[in-house]
Amino acid sequence: MNALDLLGLVATCFTTSSFVPQVWRTWKTRDVSGISLPTYVIITIGLALWLVYGWLRGDMPLMVANAVMVVLTGAITVMKLRFEQRAA
């Protein structure tokens, strides 16, 4: 791993961890009223495409960042769908 890859992985830690508080808060409160479903669907699809792009390029920081982000945004999307149905 070179310095550029290390920089990418550090950046990944910061950007991906930004979604952890939202996932945690949503899970704990079950409150999805402030979450936009279309936004999270679009961002999850976009991140999945970036993951494929990173995989095809063999770019480890890009793959790691986007794999984690797909999981986090996907979790928020699923919670939005499940918790909103229960509230209805």
N, C-alpha and C. Protein backbone atom coordinates (compact mmCIF):
# COMPACT_ATOMS: atom_id res chain seq x y z
N MET A 1 0.85 -1.17 0.00
CA MET A 1 0.00 0.00 0.00
C MET A 1 0.90 1.24 0.00
N ASN A 2 0.59 2.15 -0.89
CA ASN A 2 1.40 3.37 -0.97
C ASN A 2 0.71 4.52 -0.22
N ALA A 3 1.38 5.66 -0.18
CA ALA A 3 0.87 6.81 0.57
C ALA A 3 -0.47 7.31 0.01
N LEU A 4 -0.63 7.22 -1.30
CA LEU A 4 -1.89 7.67 -1.91
C LEU A 4 -3.05 6.78 -1.49
N ASP A 5 -2.81 5.46 -1.46
CA ASP A 5 -3.84 4.54 -0.98
C ASP A 5 -4.16 4.80 0.49
N LEU A 6 -3.16 5.07 1.28
CA LEU A 6 -3.36 5.37 2.70
C LEU A 6 -4.22 6.63 2.86
N LEU A 7 -3.91 7.65 2.08
CA LEU A 7 -4.71 8.87 2.11
C LEU A 7 -6.16 8.57 1.76
N GLY A 8 -6.35 7.76 0.75
CA GLY A 8 -7.70 7.37 0.35
C GLY A 8 -8.44 6.62 1.44
N LEU A 9 -7.74 5.74 2.14
CA LEU A 9 -8.37 4.99 3.22
C LEU A 9 -8.71 5.88 4.41
N VAL A 10 -7.86 6.84 4.72
CA VAL A 10 -8.15 7.79 5.80
C VAL A 10 -9.37 8.63 5.43
N ALA A 11 -9.40 9.11 4.19
CA ALA A 11 -10.56 9.87 3.72
C ALA A 11 -11.82 9.02 3.80
N THR A 12 -11.70 7.76 3.46
CA THR A 12 -12.82 6.82 3.55
C THR A 12 -13.36 6.73 4.97
N CYS A 13 -12.47 6.67 5.93
CA CYS A 13 -12.90 6.59 7.33
C CYS A 13 -13.76 7.78 7.71
N PHE A 14 -13.36 8.95 7.29
CA PHE A 14 -14.12 10.14 7.63
C PHE A 14 -15.46 10.21 6.89
N THR A 15 -15.45 9.97 5.59
CA THR A 15 -16.70 10.12 4.83
C THR A 15 -17.70 9.03 5.17
N THR A 16 -17.25 7.81 5.29
CA THR A 16 -18.19 6.73 5.58
C THR A 16 -18.73 6.81 7.00
N SER A 17 -17.90 7.23 7.94
CA SER A 17 -18.36 7.30 9.32
C SER A 17 -19.41 8.40 9.51
N SER A 18 -19.52 9.30 8.56
CA SER A 18 -20.52 10.37 8.68
C SER A 18 -21.94 9.83 8.65
N PHE A 19 -22.16 8.65 8.10
CA PHE A 19 -23.49 8.07 8.04
C PHE A 19 -23.82 7.21 9.26
N VAL A 20 -22.83 6.85 10.04
CA VAL A 20 -23.05 5.99 11.21
C VAL A 20 -24.02 6.63 12.20
N PRO A 21 -23.87 7.91 12.55
CA PRO A 21 -24.85 8.49 13.49
C PRO A 21 -26.29 8.45 12.98
N GLN A 22 -26.48 8.62 11.69
CA GLN A 22 -27.84 8.57 11.12
C GLN A 22 -28.40 7.16 11.22
N VAL A 23 -27.58 6.16 10.91
CA VAL A 23 -28.03 4.77 11.02
C VAL A 23 -28.38 4.47 12.47
N TRP A 24 -27.51 4.84 13.39
CA TRP A 24 -27.73 4.55 14.81
C TRP A 24 -28.99 5.25 15.33
N ARG A 25 -29.14 6.53 15.01
CA ARG A 25 -30.30 7.30 15.48
C ARG A 25 -31.59 6.71 14.92
N THR A 26 -31.58 6.38 13.65
CA THR A 26 -32.78 5.82 13.01
C THR A 26 -33.14 4.48 13.63
N TRP A 27 -32.15 3.65 13.89
CA TRP A 27 -32.39 2.35 14.49
C TRP A 27 -32.96 2.49 15.90
N LYS A 28 -32.38 3.40 16.68
CA LYS A 28 -32.81 3.57 18.07
C LYS A 28 -34.20 4.20 18.18
N THR A 29 -34.47 5.23 17.38
CA THR A 29 -35.72 5.97 17.52
C THR A 29 -36.84 5.45 16.63
N ARG A 30 -36.48 4.75 15.58
CA ARG A 30 -37.44 4.29 14.57
C ARG A 30 -38.14 5.47 13.88
N ASP A 31 -37.57 6.66 14.04
CA ASP A 31 -38.15 7.86 13.44
C ASP A 31 -37.52 8.08 12.06
N VAL A 32 -38.32 7.89 11.03
CA VAL A 32 -37.84 8.06 9.66
C VAL A 32 -38.52 9.24 8.97
N SER A 33 -39.20 10.05 9.73
CA SER A 33 -39.97 11.14 9.15
C SER A 33 -39.12 12.17 8.42
N GLY A 34 -37.89 12.35 8.84
CA GLY A 34 -37.03 13.34 8.19
C GLY A 34 -36.14 12.78 7.11
N ILE A 35 -36.36 11.52 6.75
CA ILE A 35 -35.51 10.87 5.76
C ILE A 35 -36.23 10.81 4.42
N SER A 36 -35.56 11.23 3.38
CA SER A 36 -36.12 11.21 2.03
C SER A 36 -35.78 9.87 1.37
N LEU A 37 -36.80 9.07 1.12
CA LEU A 37 -36.59 7.77 0.48
C LEU A 37 -35.95 7.91 -0.91
N PRO A 38 -36.47 8.79 -1.78
CA PRO A 38 -35.83 8.91 -3.10
C PRO A 38 -34.34 9.28 -3.01
N THR A 39 -34.00 10.14 -2.07
CA THR A 39 -32.59 10.53 -1.93
C THR A 39 -31.73 9.33 -1.57
N TYR A 40 -32.17 8.54 -0.61
CA TYR A 40 -31.37 7.39 -0.19
C TYR A 40 -31.34 6.28 -1.24
N VAL A 41 -32.41 6.10 -1.99
CA VAL A 41 -32.39 5.12 -3.08
C VAL A 41 -31.39 5.55 -4.14
N ILE A 42 -31.44 6.81 -4.52
CA ILE A 42 -30.52 7.33 -5.56
C ILE A 42 -29.08 7.25 -5.09
N ILE A 43 -28.79 7.66 -3.88
CA ILE A 43 -27.40 7.64 -3.41
C ILE A 43 -26.90 6.21 -3.26
N THR A 44 -27.75 5.29 -2.83
CA THR A 44 -27.33 3.90 -2.69
C THR A 44 -27.00 3.29 -4.05
N ILE A 45 -27.82 3.57 -5.05
CA ILE A 45 -27.54 3.07 -6.40
C ILE A 45 -26.25 3.69 -6.93
N GLY A 46 -26.09 4.99 -6.75
CA GLY A 46 -24.86 5.66 -7.20
C GLY A 46 -23.62 5.09 -6.53
N LEU A 47 -23.70 4.85 -5.23
CA LEU A 47 -22.56 4.27 -4.51
C LEU A 47 -22.26 2.85 -4.97
N ALA A 48 -23.32 2.09 -5.27
CA ALA A 48 -23.11 0.73 -5.78
C ALA A 48 -22.40 0.78 -7.13
N LEU A 49 -22.75 1.74 -7.96
CA LEU A 49 -22.06 1.89 -9.25
C LEU A 49 -20.60 2.29 -9.05
N TRP A 50 -20.34 3.20 -8.09
CA TRP A 50 -18.95 3.56 -7.77
C TRP A 50 -18.17 2.35 -7.25
N LEU A 51 -18.85 1.49 -6.50
CA LEU A 51 -18.21 0.27 -6.01
C LEU A 51 -17.79 -0.62 -7.17
N VAL A 52 -18.67 -0.80 -8.13
CA VAL A 52 -18.34 -1.60 -9.32
C VAL A 52 -17.18 -0.94 -10.08
N TYR A 53 -17.24 0.36 -10.23
CA TYR A 53 -16.16 1.10 -10.91
C TYR A 53 -14.83 0.87 -10.19
N GLY A 54 -14.82 1.00 -8.89
CA GLY A 54 -13.59 0.79 -8.12
C GLY A 54 -13.08 -0.63 -8.25
N TRP A 55 -14.01 -1.59 -8.27
CA TRP A 55 -13.62 -2.99 -8.42
C TRP A 55 -13.00 -3.22 -9.80
N LEU A 56 -13.61 -2.67 -10.84
CA LEU A 56 -13.08 -2.84 -12.20
C LEU A 56 -11.71 -2.17 -12.36
N ARG A 57 -11.49 -1.09 -11.64
CA ARG A 57 -10.19 -0.40 -11.69
C ARG A 57 -9.17 -1.00 -10.74
N GLY A 58 -9.62 -1.85 -9.83
CA GLY A 58 -8.72 -2.41 -8.84
C GLY A 58 -8.29 -1.38 -7.80
N ASP A 59 -9.16 -0.44 -7.51
CA ASP A 59 -8.86 0.67 -6.60
C ASP A 59 -9.42 0.35 -5.21
N MET A 60 -8.55 -0.15 -4.33
CA MET A 60 -8.98 -0.61 -3.01
C MET A 60 -9.66 0.48 -2.18
N PRO A 61 -9.11 1.69 -2.06
CA PRO A 61 -9.80 2.71 -1.25
C PRO A 61 -11.20 3.02 -1.79
N LEU A 62 -11.34 3.06 -3.09
CA LEU A 62 -12.65 3.32 -3.70
C LEU A 62 -13.62 2.18 -3.40
N MET A 63 -13.13 0.96 -3.48
CA MET A 63 -13.98 -0.20 -3.19
C MET A 63 -14.41 -0.22 -1.73
N VAL A 64 -13.47 0.00 -0.82
CA VAL A 64 -13.80 -0.04 0.60
C VAL A 64 -14.79 1.06 0.95
N ALA A 65 -14.50 2.27 0.51
CA ALA A 65 -15.38 3.41 0.81
C ALA A 65 -16.79 3.14 0.33
N ASN A 66 -16.93 2.71 -0.88
CA ASN A 66 -18.26 2.55 -1.45
C ASN A 66 -18.96 1.31 -0.94
N ALA A 67 -18.24 0.25 -0.61
CA ALA A 67 -18.86 -0.93 -0.02
C ALA A 67 -19.48 -0.59 1.33
N VAL A 68 -18.74 0.12 2.16
CA VAL A 68 -19.27 0.51 3.47
C VAL A 68 -20.44 1.47 3.31
N MET A 69 -20.31 2.41 2.41
CA MET A 69 -21.39 3.38 2.19
C MET A 69 -22.66 2.72 1.66
N VAL A 70 -22.52 1.73 0.78
CA VAL A 70 -23.69 1.01 0.28
C VAL A 70 -24.41 0.32 1.45
N VAL A 71 -23.64 -0.27 2.35
CA VAL A 71 -24.25 -0.94 3.50
C VAL A 71 -24.98 0.08 4.38
N LEU A 72 -24.33 1.21 4.67
CA LEU A 72 -24.93 2.21 5.55
C LEU A 72 -26.16 2.87 4.92
N THR A 73 -26.03 3.32 3.68
CA THR A 73 -27.18 3.97 3.05
C THR A 73 -28.28 2.96 2.73
N GLY A 74 -27.87 1.73 2.44
CA GLY A 74 -28.86 0.68 2.22
C GLY A 74 -29.63 0.39 3.50
N ALA A 75 -28.94 0.40 4.64
CA ALA A 75 -29.60 0.17 5.92
C ALA A 75 -30.62 1.28 6.21
N ILE A 76 -30.24 2.50 5.94
CA ILE A 76 -31.16 3.62 6.14
C ILE A 76 -32.38 3.48 5.23
N THR A 77 -32.14 3.10 3.99
CA THR A 77 -33.23 2.91 3.03
C THR A 77 -34.19 1.83 3.51
N VAL A 78 -33.65 0.70 3.95
CA VAL A 78 -34.49 -0.40 4.43
C VAL A 78 -35.27 0.02 5.67
N MET A 79 -34.60 0.72 6.59
CA MET A 79 -35.31 1.19 7.79
C MET A 79 -36.42 2.17 7.42
N LYS A 80 -36.17 3.03 6.46
CA LYS A 80 -37.20 3.97 6.01
C LYS A 80 -38.42 3.20 5.53
N LEU A 81 -38.21 2.18 4.73
CA LEU A 81 -39.32 1.39 4.21
C LEU A 81 -40.04 0.61 5.31
N ARG A 82 -39.29 -0.01 6.19
CA ARG A 82 -39.90 -0.84 7.24
C ARG A 82 -40.58 -0.03 8.32
N PHE A 83 -39.90 0.98 8.81
CA PHE A 83 -40.46 1.74 9.93
C PHE A 83 -41.61 2.64 9.49
N GLU A 84 -41.59 3.07 8.25
CA GLU A 84 -42.69 3.91 7.75
C GLU A 84 -43.96 3.07 7.59
N GLN A 85 -43.80 1.82 7.18
CA GLN A 85 -44.96 0.93 7.03
C GLN A 85 -45.61 0.66 8.38
N ARG A 86 -44.79 0.50 9.41
CA ARG A 86 -45.33 0.22 10.75
C ARG A 86 -46.09 1.41 11.30
N ALA A 87 -45.65 2.60 10.94
CA ALA A 87 -46.28 3.82 11.46
C ALA A 87 -47.62 4.09 10.76
N ALA A 88 -47.79 3.53 9.57
CA ALA A 88 -49.01 3.80 8.79
C ALA A 88 -50.19 3.04 9.28
